[in-house]
Protein backbone atom coordinates (compact mmCIF):
# COMPACT_ATOMS: atom_id res chain seq x y z
CA MET A 1 0.00 0.00 0.00
CA SER A 2 1.13 3.56 -0.61
CA LYS A 3 3.27 5.26 2.00
CA LEU A 4 1.19 8.42 1.71
CA LYS A 5 0.06 9.59 5.12
CA ILE A 6 -3.71 9.56 5.23
CA LYS A 7 -5.17 11.88 7.85
CA ASN A 8 -7.56 10.25 10.31
CA SER A 9 -10.63 11.99 8.90
CA ILE A 10 -13.38 10.98 6.51
CA TRP A 11 -13.39 14.56 5.19
CA PHE A 12 -9.75 14.27 4.18
CA VAL A 13 -10.54 10.94 2.53
CA LEU A 14 -13.43 12.51 0.61
CA ALA A 15 -11.35 15.51 -0.47
CA GLU A 16 -8.43 13.34 -1.56
CA GLY A 17 -10.76 10.90 -3.33
CA ILE A 18 -12.47 13.70 -5.26
CA LYS A 19 -9.08 15.11 -6.29
CA ILE A 20 -7.84 11.75 -7.59
CA TYR A 21 -11.13 11.03 -9.36
CA PHE A 22 -11.50 14.34 -11.20
CA SER A 23 -7.82 14.53 -12.14
CA ASN A 24 -8.29 11.19 -13.96
CA ILE A 25 -12.03 11.35 -14.74
CA ASP A 26 -11.57 10.72 -18.48
CA LYS A 27 -9.64 7.50 -17.82
CA PHE A 28 -12.10 6.26 -15.21
CA PHE A 29 -15.05 7.10 -17.46
CA MET A 30 -13.62 5.20 -20.41
CA TYR A 31 -12.67 2.27 -18.18
CA MET A 32 -16.25 1.89 -16.91
CA LEU A 33 -18.05 2.38 -20.25
CA PHE A 34 -18.21 -1.24 -21.39
CA PRO A 35 -18.77 -2.81 -17.93
CA VAL A 36 -21.79 -0.52 -17.43
CA PHE A 37 -23.33 -0.12 -20.89
CA GLY A 38 -22.31 -3.61 -21.99
CA GLN A 39 -24.67 -5.08 -19.40
CA ILE A 40 -27.53 -2.87 -20.57
CA ILE A 41 -26.87 -3.57 -24.25
CA GLY A 42 -26.52 -7.31 -23.60
CA ILE A 43 -29.80 -7.58 -21.67
CA SER A 44 -31.63 -5.36 -24.17
CA LEU A 45 -30.34 -7.40 -27.09
CA ALA A 46 -31.19 -10.72 -25.46
CA PHE A 47 -34.74 -9.76 -24.48
CA GLY A 48 -35.35 -7.61 -27.56
CA LEU A 49 -34.53 -10.36 -30.04
CA SER A 50 -36.12 -13.22 -28.11
CA LEU A 51 -39.34 -11.36 -27.28
CA GLY A 52 -39.52 -9.58 -30.65
CA PHE A 53 -39.38 -12.77 -32.69
CA ALA A 54 -41.04 -15.13 -30.19
CA ASP A 55 -44.47 -15.03 -31.86
CA THR A 56 -43.03 -15.56 -35.35
CA ILE A 57 -40.84 -18.45 -34.23
CA THR A 58 -43.67 -20.09 -32.30
CA ALA A 59 -45.96 -19.90 -35.33
CA LYS A 60 -43.43 -21.38 -37.76
CA ALA A 61 -41.55 -23.85 -35.55
CA ALA A 62 -42.27 -27.55 -35.97
CA SER A 63 -42.36 -28.13 -32.20
CA ILE A 64 -42.13 -26.36 -28.88
CA GLY A 65 -38.61 -27.72 -28.40
CA SER A 66 -37.33 -26.29 -31.68
CA ALA A 67 -39.05 -22.96 -30.97
CA LEU A 68 -37.37 -22.77 -27.57
CA LEU A 69 -34.00 -23.58 -29.16
CA PHE A 70 -34.37 -20.74 -31.69
CA VAL A 71 -35.34 -18.29 -28.94
CA ILE A 72 -32.28 -19.30 -26.89
CA LEU A 73 -30.03 -18.89 -29.94
CA LEU A 74 -31.44 -15.41 -30.53
CA ALA A 75 -30.80 -14.46 -26.90
CA LEU A 76 -27.31 -15.99 -26.78
CA PRO A 77 -25.28 -13.08 -28.31
CA GLY A 78 -26.84 -10.63 -25.88
CA LEU A 79 -26.26 -12.96 -22.94
CA LEU A 80 -22.58 -13.36 -23.88
CA ILE A 81 -22.14 -9.58 -24.04
CA PHE A 82 -23.87 -9.24 -20.67
CA ILE A 83 -21.70 -11.93 -19.02
CA LYS A 84 -18.48 -10.33 -20.31
CA ALA A 85 -19.56 -6.85 -19.19
CA PHE A 86 -20.73 -8.16 -15.80
CA TRP A 87 -17.39 -9.89 -15.19
CA ASP A 88 -15.49 -6.73 -16.17
CA PHE A 89 -17.71 -4.78 -13.76
CA MET A 90 -16.87 -7.13 -10.90
CA VAL A 91 -13.16 -7.03 -11.78
CA ALA A 92 -13.38 -3.23 -11.53
CA TYR A 93 -14.17 -3.53 -7.80
CA VAL A 94 -10.60 -4.78 -7.33
CA ALA A 95 -8.78 -3.09 -10.22
CA LEU A 96 -9.91 0.38 -9.14
CA ASN A 97 -8.27 -0.16 -5.75
CA SER A 98 -4.98 -0.97 -7.47
CA MET A 99 -5.42 2.08 -9.73
CA THR A 100 -5.85 4.26 -6.65
CA GLU A 101 -2.59 2.97 -5.21
CA GLY A 102 -0.90 3.73 -8.53
CA ALA A 103 -2.37 7.24 -8.54
CA LEU A 104 -1.10 7.82 -5.00
CA ASN A 105 2.40 6.62 -5.86
CA THR A 106 2.83 8.12 -9.33
CA GLY A 107 0.03 10.67 -9.68
CA LYS A 108 -1.22 8.87 -12.81
CA VAL A 109 -3.71 6.16 -13.77
CA TYR A 110 -2.58 3.93 -16.63
CA ASP A 111 -2.06 0.31 -17.76
CA PHE A 112 -5.58 -0.95 -17.02
CA GLN A 113 -4.64 -4.52 -17.92
CA SER A 114 -2.08 -4.83 -15.14
CA HIS A 115 -4.61 -3.51 -12.64
CA ASN A 116 -7.24 -5.98 -13.91
CA GLU A 117 -4.78 -8.79 -13.31
CA VAL A 118 -4.99 -8.15 -9.57
CA ALA A 119 -8.32 -9.98 -9.85
CA THR A 120 -7.91 -12.09 -12.99
CA ARG A 121 -4.70 -13.83 -11.93
CA ARG A 122 -6.60 -15.01 -8.84
CA THR A 123 -9.86 -15.71 -10.66
CA PHE A 124 -10.82 -18.82 -8.69
CA GLN A 125 -10.26 -17.16 -5.33
CA TYR A 126 -12.05 -14.00 -6.46
CA VAL A 127 -15.07 -15.98 -7.68
CA LEU A 128 -15.19 -17.73 -4.29
CA LEU A 129 -15.14 -14.33 -2.60
CA LEU A 130 -17.98 -13.08 -4.82
CA LEU A 131 -19.99 -16.22 -4.10
CA SER A 132 -19.42 -15.75 -0.37
CA ILE A 133 -20.60 -12.14 -0.59
CA GLY A 134 -23.62 -13.26 -2.61
CA ILE A 135 -24.59 -15.95 -0.09
CA LEU A 136 -24.21 -13.55 2.85
CA SER A 137 -26.26 -10.93 0.98
CA SER A 138 -29.02 -13.45 0.29
CA ILE A 139 -29.16 -14.45 3.96
CA GLY A 140 -29.07 -10.82 5.04
CA SER A 141 -31.97 -9.90 2.74
CA SER A 142 -34.31 -11.95 4.92
CA ILE A 143 -36.62 -9.79 7.04
CA PHE A 144 -35.32 -11.59 10.14
CA PHE A 145 -31.70 -10.59 9.51
CA ILE A 146 -31.98 -7.10 7.97
CA ILE A 147 -30.66 -5.14 10.98
CA PRO A 148 -27.76 -7.45 11.97
CA ALA A 149 -26.92 -7.89 8.26
CA PHE A 150 -26.70 -4.12 7.78
CA VAL A 151 -24.38 -3.81 10.79
CA LEU A 152 -22.16 -6.61 9.46
CA TRP A 153 -22.27 -5.14 5.95
CA ILE A 154 -20.51 -2.03 7.26
CA TYR A 155 -17.93 -4.20 9.03
CA PHE A 156 -17.28 -6.14 5.80
CA ILE A 157 -17.27 -3.14 3.47
CA LEU A 158 -13.49 -3.28 2.96
CA VAL A 159 -13.29 -6.91 1.79
CA TYR A 160 -12.42 -5.84 -1.78
CA GLN A 161 -9.57 -3.67 -0.50
CA VAL A 162 -8.30 -6.49 1.72
CA PHE A 163 -8.44 -8.87 -1.26
CA THR A 164 -6.46 -6.37 -3.34
CA PHE A 165 -3.72 -5.47 -0.90
CA GLU A 166 -3.42 -8.60 1.27
CA PRO A 167 -3.38 -11.43 -1.31
CA ASP A 168 -1.94 -14.06 1.05
CA LEU A 169 -5.13 -14.33 3.10
CA GLU A 170 -7.90 -16.92 2.65
CA ILE A 171 -11.60 -16.19 2.01
CA PRO A 172 -12.76 -16.13 5.68
CA GLU A 173 -9.75 -13.99 6.58
CA TYR A 174 -10.81 -11.23 4.16
CA PHE A 175 -13.98 -10.74 6.15
CA LYS A 176 -12.16 -11.09 9.48
CA ARG A 177 -9.55 -8.52 8.43
CA SER A 178 -12.18 -6.03 7.28
CA PHE A 179 -14.00 -6.52 10.58
CA GLN A 180 -10.79 -5.84 12.52
CA LEU A 181 -10.09 -2.64 10.59
CA ILE A 182 -13.64 -1.28 10.95
CA LYS A 183 -13.90 -2.22 14.64
CA GLY A 184 -14.05 0.99 16.64
CA ASN A 185 -14.71 2.97 13.43
CA TRP A 186 -18.17 1.67 12.52
CA LEU A 187 -20.00 4.99 12.85
CA ARG A 188 -17.45 6.95 10.82
CA THR A 189 -17.43 4.21 8.16
CA PHE A 190 -21.23 4.37 7.98
CA LEU A 191 -21.09 8.16 7.65
CA LEU A 192 -18.56 7.89 4.81
CA MET A 193 -20.75 5.32 3.04
CA ALA A 194 -23.85 7.50 3.45
CA ILE A 195 -22.11 10.60 2.07
CA LEU A 196 -20.65 8.71 -0.88
CA GLY A 197 -23.99 7.07 -1.71
CA PHE A 198 -25.97 10.28 -1.36
CA PHE A 199 -23.77 12.47 -3.54
CA SER A 200 -22.41 9.96 -6.08
CA ILE A 201 -25.69 8.13 -6.70
CA TYR A 202 -28.85 9.79 -5.36
CA ILE A 203 -28.09 13.45 -6.16
CA ILE A 204 -26.79 12.74 -9.67
CA THR A 205 -29.67 10.38 -10.49
CA GLU A 206 -32.27 12.84 -9.24
CA GLY A 207 -30.54 15.70 -11.06
CA ILE A 208 -30.64 13.85 -14.38
CA SER A 209 -34.31 12.91 -13.85
CA VAL A 210 -35.17 16.58 -13.21
CA VAL A 211 -33.39 17.58 -16.42
CA LEU A 212 -35.23 14.89 -18.40
CA ASP A 213 -38.57 16.07 -17.01
CA TYR A 214 -37.72 19.71 -17.73
CA LEU A 215 -36.85 18.89 -21.34
CA ASN A 216 -39.98 16.73 -21.69
CA LEU A 217 -37.84 13.74 -22.60
CA THR A 218 -39.01 11.33 -19.89
CA GLU A 219 -42.21 10.25 -21.62
CA LYS A 220 -40.49 9.99 -24.99
CA ILE A 221 -37.80 7.72 -23.60
CA CYS A 222 -40.39 5.66 -21.72
CA THR A 223 -42.05 4.74 -25.01
CA LEU A 224 -38.97 2.61 -25.75
CA PHE A 225 -40.17 0.18 -23.08
CA ASN A 226 -43.70 -0.19 -24.44
CA PHE A 227 -42.87 -3.58 -25.98
CA ILE A 228 -42.26 -4.82 -22.42
CA THR A 229 -44.97 -3.04 -20.46
CA ASN A 230 -47.71 -3.78 -22.98
CA THR A 231 -47.13 -7.51 -22.58
CA ILE A 232 -47.50 -7.47 -18.78
CA PRO A 233 -50.98 -8.68 -17.65
CA LEU A 234 -52.21 -6.07 -15.19
CA ASP A 235 -55.96 -6.73 -15.18
CA PHE A 236 -56.07 -9.06 -12.20
CA THR A 237 -53.57 -6.99 -10.20
CA ASN A 238 -55.51 -3.78 -10.85
CA LYS A 239 -58.80 -5.45 -9.87
CA VAL A 240 -57.25 -6.38 -6.52
CA LEU A 241 -55.84 -2.86 -6.08
CA THR A 242 -59.23 -1.33 -6.97
CA TYR A 243 -60.93 -3.59 -4.43
CA LEU A 244 -58.39 -2.45 -1.81
CA LYS A 245 -58.99 1.17 -2.89
CA GLN A 246 -55.37 1.58 -3.97
CA PRO A 247 -54.06 3.33 -7.12
CA ILE A 248 -53.89 1.03 -10.11
CA ILE A 249 -50.68 0.19 -11.97
CA THR A 250 -50.41 1.47 -15.54
CA PRO A 251 -47.93 0.54 -18.29
CA GLU A 252 -46.64 4.12 -18.12
CA MET A 253 -45.78 3.69 -14.43
CA ILE A 254 -43.84 0.52 -15.16
CA SER A 255 -42.00 2.25 -18.04
CA ARG A 256 -40.94 5.08 -15.72
CA THR A 257 -39.76 2.56 -13.13
CA ILE A 258 -37.68 0.75 -15.77
CA LEU A 259 -36.23 4.05 -17.03
CA PHE A 260 -35.14 5.29 -13.62
CA SER A 261 -33.85 1.87 -12.61
CA ILE A 262 -31.61 1.88 -15.69
CA LEU A 263 -30.60 5.49 -15.01
CA SER A 264 -29.73 4.64 -11.41
CA PHE A 265 -27.69 1.64 -12.57
CA ILE A 266 -25.75 3.76 -15.07
CA VAL A 267 -24.98 6.45 -12.49
CA THR A 268 -24.02 3.84 -9.88
CA GLY A 269 -21.69 2.11 -12.33
CA LEU A 270 -20.01 5.17 -13.78
CA THR A 271 -19.38 6.63 -10.30
CA LEU A 272 -17.99 3.37 -8.89
CA PRO A 273 -14.41 4.72 -9.26
CA ILE A 274 -14.90 7.57 -6.79
CA ARG A 275 -16.35 5.22 -4.18
CA SER A 276 -13.56 2.66 -4.70
CA ILE A 277 -10.95 5.43 -4.42
CA CYS A 278 -12.41 6.66 -1.13
CA TRP A 279 -12.69 3.13 0.30
CA THR A 280 -9.07 2.45 -0.65
CA LEU A 281 -8.00 5.65 1.12
CA TRP A 282 -10.11 4.68 4.13
CA TYR A 283 -8.50 1.25 4.15
CA ALA A 284 -5.05 2.91 4.16
CA ASN A 285 -6.19 5.17 7.00
CA LEU A 286 -7.46 2.32 9.18
CA LEU A 287 -4.50 0.10 8.32
CA GLU A 288 -2.11 2.81 9.50
CA GLN A 289 -4.11 3.21 12.73
CA ASN A 290 -4.09 -0.55 13.25
CA ASN A 291 -0.33 -0.79 12.72
CA GLN A 292 0.30 2.08 15.11
CA SER A 293 -1.87 0.43 17.77
CA GLN A 294 -0.02 -2.86 17.37
CA THR A 295 3.33 -1.07 17.62
CA LYS A 296 2.26 0.67 20.83
CA ARG A 297 1.00 -2.58 22.32
CA GLY A 298 4.29 -4.28 21.37
CA ARG A 299 6.34 -1.55 23.02
CA LYS A 300 4.15 -1.66 26.12
CA SER A 301 4.46 -5.44 26.35
CA LYS A 302 8.24 -5.23 25.89
CA ARG A 303 8.50 -2.56 28.58
CA GLU A 304 6.42 -4.61 31.00
CA LYS A 305 8.67 -7.63 30.45
CA LEU A 306 11.77 -5.53 31.12
CA GLU A 307 10.22 -4.19 34.32
CA GLU A 308 9.41 -7.70 35.49
CA GLU A 309 13.02 -8.75 34.92
């Protein structure tokens, strides 16, 4: 990790993170383009082709099996694009940490491939880490575990940084190490997460939505999703909602939900670098604190032994 002294303050981390991000914003933007838009293009292509030609294939196919095969073949190119973009997106969670270290040491961000290799040369271990995170997230999504899962989520928020900078550890040790670093700093870590999420995701997403509404573009863009919303059976659902005296669901409402979900995903993906930069700086901060505490304890223990002798 860089030898740069990181002040023990989330505000310093935010200021330093913003400086690194905006001084290299063109590189970070280009780096995230395919991982973000590749997923959207892949899903759109897969569903667009399979749903668009489903009726024609069903009418002309000799059997249900052959029709299903043709639909799968139509969806396959889009699915392959999505899988590649999704993997690149997950690799970015680690590569961006390495890029931050490079920026701290040299003041520049370059050679993306070497940074990607921090994850790709340990693909099996990284996949195991992602699976572990996925399993824990699934368990934590249960209504019975939401509160303790949220608390643990903050404690485990540095697992990607630990994976990047402490490669000799095993999967359980990544979580244990993150827990050790966050211990005693939970509230400040939560505050840093809240600030990053609010400004890098919520504010930007809401700002873009306001601009789209002001320019009267929202409804025009929503029409792109009509081929999806018009196929959703809403009659029964709306009858139940009417009986319960609740507002009904319209295709337009679903289109707006899809639009702003995609918009939120794009903003979240393109601003991932600034959050990764700040978490890497925070990791360096807590690591330095941890090392200083261990040094003090070692000196104290050594002094006590000398006194006993």
